[in-house]
Amino acid sequence: MPRNAANYVLKYVSSRNALRNWRHINIPEEFFFQTVLGNSHFRKRIINNNLRYVDWQYRNGSIPAYLDDTDYLKIKKTKCFFARKIDSNISRIL
C-alpha cells in the first residue's frame, strides 16, 4: 500500500471515530482497508483484482463453491495466487 494511502486510512480512523462506527458492521475485518480506500479519492487507483480464484456458483453444497478436481485446470489458466474454498474431503488434488 502506498504511504499516502496508509496515511489516509490512519487519518480516517483517528479523525472520524471510524472504529466506533464499524463496531456493528457484519463484514470480515480484512475488508476494512478496501472499504475505506474504495470510498475515497484513492478508488481510481485501486486495481480490482485480488488474485484469488473463486467460483461464486452453488456447487458442492456451498456458495461460493467448494472447489474440486474439475477446477484444477481453470485455476492454472489464471494468474491467481490463491483459491477459495478448498476442502481435502472434496478434492485431494487441490
C-alpha atoms as a PDB file:
ATOM      1  CA  MET A   1       0.000   0.000   0.000  1.00  0.00           C
ATOM      2  CA  PRO A   2       1.433   3.414  -0.883  1.00  0.00           C
ATOM      3  CA  ARG A   3       2.393   5.623   2.057  1.00  0.00           C
ATOM      4  CA  ASN A   4      -0.182   8.303   1.192  1.00  0.00           C
ATOM      5  CA  ALA A   5      -2.971   5.698   1.167  1.00  0.00           C
ATOM      6  CA  ALA A   6      -1.837   4.313   4.537  1.00  0.00           C
ATOM      7  CA  ASN A   7      -1.737   7.853   5.938  1.00  0.00           C
ATOM      8  CA  TYR A   8      -5.270   8.430   4.643  1.00  0.00           C
ATOM      9  CA  VAL A   9      -6.516   5.320   6.483  1.00  0.00           C
ATOM     10  CA  LEU A  10      -4.770   6.371   9.708  1.00  0.00           C
ATOM     11  CA  LYS A  11      -6.248   9.853   9.459  1.00  0.00           C
ATOM     12  CA  TYR A  12      -9.692   8.381   8.731  1.00  0.00           C
ATOM     13  CA  VAL A  13      -9.525   6.172  11.807  1.00  0.00           C
ATOM     14  CA  SER A  14      -8.351   8.908  14.153  1.00  0.00           C
ATOM     15  CA  SER A  15     -10.461  11.826  12.939  1.00  0.00           C
ATOM     16  CA  ARG A  16     -13.873  10.272  12.353  1.00  0.00           C
ATOM     17  CA  ASN A  17     -14.243   7.797  15.215  1.00  0.00           C
ATOM     18  CA  ALA A  18     -14.477   5.214  12.480  1.00  0.00           C
ATOM     19  CA  LEU A  19     -13.786   2.218  14.669  1.00  0.00           C
ATOM     20  CA  ARG A  20     -16.827   3.026  16.784  1.00  0.00           C
ATOM     21  CA  ASN A  21     -18.920   3.229  13.601  1.00  0.00           C
ATOM     22  CA  TRP A  22     -17.570  -0.123  12.389  1.00  0.00           C
ATOM     23  CA  ARG A  23     -18.432  -1.930  15.632  1.00  0.00           C
ATOM     24  CA  HIS A  24     -21.835  -3.063  14.351  1.00  0.00           C
ATOM     25  CA  ILE A  25     -20.881  -3.848  10.761  1.00  0.00           C
ATOM     26  CA  ASN A  26     -21.160  -7.524   9.885  1.00  0.00           C
ATOM     27  CA  ILE A  27     -18.259  -7.985   7.443  1.00  0.00           C
ATOM     28  CA  PRO A  28     -14.813  -9.546   7.858  1.00  0.00           C
ATOM     29  CA  GLU A  29     -12.157  -7.139   9.103  1.00  0.00           C
ATOM     30  CA  GLU A  30      -9.986  -7.805   6.049  1.00  0.00           C
ATOM     31  CA  PHE A  31     -12.393  -5.602   4.060  1.00  0.00           C
ATOM     32  CA  PHE A  32     -11.668  -2.563   6.227  1.00  0.00           C
ATOM     33  CA  PHE A  33      -8.857  -1.054   4.142  1.00  0.00           C
ATOM     34  CA  GLN A  34     -10.566  -1.794   0.837  1.00  0.00           C
ATOM     35  CA  THR A  35     -13.788  -0.183   2.027  1.00  0.00           C
ATOM     36  CA  VAL A  36     -12.123   2.948   3.415  1.00  0.00           C
ATOM     37  CA  LEU A  37      -9.950   3.444   0.337  1.00  0.00           C
ATOM     38  CA  GLY A  38     -12.726   2.405  -2.064  1.00  0.00           C
ATOM     39  CA  ASN A  39     -14.867   5.225  -0.693  1.00  0.00           C
ATOM     40  CA  SER A  40     -12.119   7.806  -1.095  1.00  0.00           C
ATOM     41  CA  HIS A  41     -10.331   9.586  -3.893  1.00  0.00           C
ATOM     42  CA  PHE A  42      -7.959   6.576  -3.997  1.00  0.00           C
ATOM     43  CA  ARG A  43     -10.677   4.403  -5.607  1.00  0.00           C
ATOM     44  CA  LYS A  44      -9.487   5.402  -9.102  1.00  0.00           C
ATOM     45  CA  ARG A  45      -6.068   3.902  -8.338  1.00  0.00           C
ATOM     46  CA  ILE A  46      -7.283   0.565  -6.931  1.00  0.00           C
ATOM     47  CA  ILE A  47      -6.869  -2.439  -9.194  1.00  0.00           C
ATOM     48  CA  ASN A  48      -9.899  -4.648  -8.704  1.00  0.00           C
ATOM     49  CA  ASN A  49      -8.103  -7.988  -8.751  1.00  0.00           C
ATOM     50  CA  ASN A  50      -7.239  -9.808  -5.560  1.00  0.00           C
ATOM     51  CA  LEU A  51      -5.539 -12.659  -7.465  1.00  0.00           C
ATOM     52  CA  ARG A  52      -7.889 -15.150  -5.819  1.00  0.00           C
ATOM     53  CA  TYR A  53      -9.789 -17.769  -7.789  1.00  0.00           C
ATOM     54  CA  VAL A  54     -13.377 -18.052  -6.531  1.00  0.00           C
ATOM     55  CA  ASP A  55     -16.347 -19.815  -8.101  1.00  0.00           C
ATOM     56  CA  TRP A  56     -19.417 -17.897  -6.957  1.00  0.00           C
ATOM     57  CA  GLN A  57     -21.835 -20.603  -8.172  1.00  0.00           C
ATOM     58  CA  TYR A  58     -23.650 -23.016  -5.869  1.00  0.00           C
ATOM     59  CA  ARG A  59     -21.681 -26.233  -6.075  1.00  0.00           C
ATOM     60  CA  ASN A  60     -20.587 -28.951  -3.656  1.00  0.00           C
ATOM     61  CA  GLY A  61     -23.093 -27.663  -1.121  1.00  0.00           C
ATOM     62  CA  SER A  62     -21.831 -24.091  -0.860  1.00  0.00           C
ATOM     63  CA  ILE A  63     -21.764 -20.564  -2.267  1.00  0.00           C
ATOM     64  CA  PRO A  64     -19.013 -19.808  -3.091  1.00  0.00           C
ATOM     65  CA  ALA A  65     -18.443 -23.333  -4.304  1.00  0.00           C
ATOM     66  CA  TYR A  66     -16.042 -25.711  -2.664  1.00  0.00           C
ATOM     67  CA  LEU A  67     -13.549 -26.246  -5.442  1.00  0.00           C
ATOM     68  CA  ASP A  68     -12.952 -29.746  -6.725  1.00  0.00           C
ATOM     69  CA  ASP A  69     -10.704 -31.575  -9.185  1.00  0.00           C
ATOM     70  CA  THR A  70     -12.595 -30.096 -12.142  1.00  0.00           C
ATOM     71  CA  ASP A  71     -11.314 -26.647 -11.145  1.00  0.00           C
ATOM     72  CA  TYR A  72      -7.624 -27.519 -11.333  1.00  0.00           C
ATOM     73  CA  LEU A  73      -7.052 -26.599 -14.987  1.00  0.00           C
ATOM     74  CA  LYS A  74      -9.254 -23.497 -14.671  1.00  0.00           C
ATOM     75  CA  ILE A  75      -7.129 -22.272 -11.772  1.00  0.00           C
ATOM     76  CA  LYS A  76      -3.882 -22.982 -13.637  1.00  0.00           C
ATOM     77  CA  LYS A  77      -5.068 -20.856 -16.590  1.00  0.00           C
ATOM     78  CA  THR A  78      -5.475 -17.791 -14.369  1.00  0.00           C
ATOM     79  CA  LYS A  79      -2.841 -15.557 -12.815  1.00  0.00           C
ATOM     80  CA  CYS A  80      -4.329 -16.113  -9.367  1.00  0.00           C
ATOM     81  CA  PHE A  81      -2.048 -16.816  -6.407  1.00  0.00           C
ATOM     82  CA  PHE A  82      -4.842 -18.021  -4.128  1.00  0.00           C
ATOM     83  CA  ALA A  83      -8.006 -20.114  -4.384  1.00  0.00           C
ATOM     84  CA  ARG A  84     -11.098 -20.178  -2.223  1.00  0.00           C
ATOM     85  CA  LYS A  85     -12.693 -22.631  -0.896  1.00  0.00           C
ATOM     86  CA  ILE A  86     -10.839 -25.911  -0.765  1.00  0.00           C
ATOM     87  CA  ASP A  87     -11.716 -28.947   1.328  1.00  0.00           C
ATOM     88  CA  SER A  88      -9.470 -32.032   1.262  1.00  0.00           C
ATOM     89  CA  ASN A  89     -12.556 -34.242   1.603  1.00  0.00           C
ATOM     90  CA  ILE A  90     -13.817 -32.878  -1.726  1.00  0.00           C
ATOM     91  CA  SER A  91     -10.523 -32.636  -3.600  1.00  0.00           C
ATOM     92  CA  ARG A  92      -7.223 -34.270  -2.751  1.00  0.00           C
ATOM     93  CA  ILE A  93      -5.513 -32.655  -5.778  1.00  0.00           C
ATOM     94  CA  LEU A  94      -6.158 -29.086  -4.713  1.00  0.00           C
END
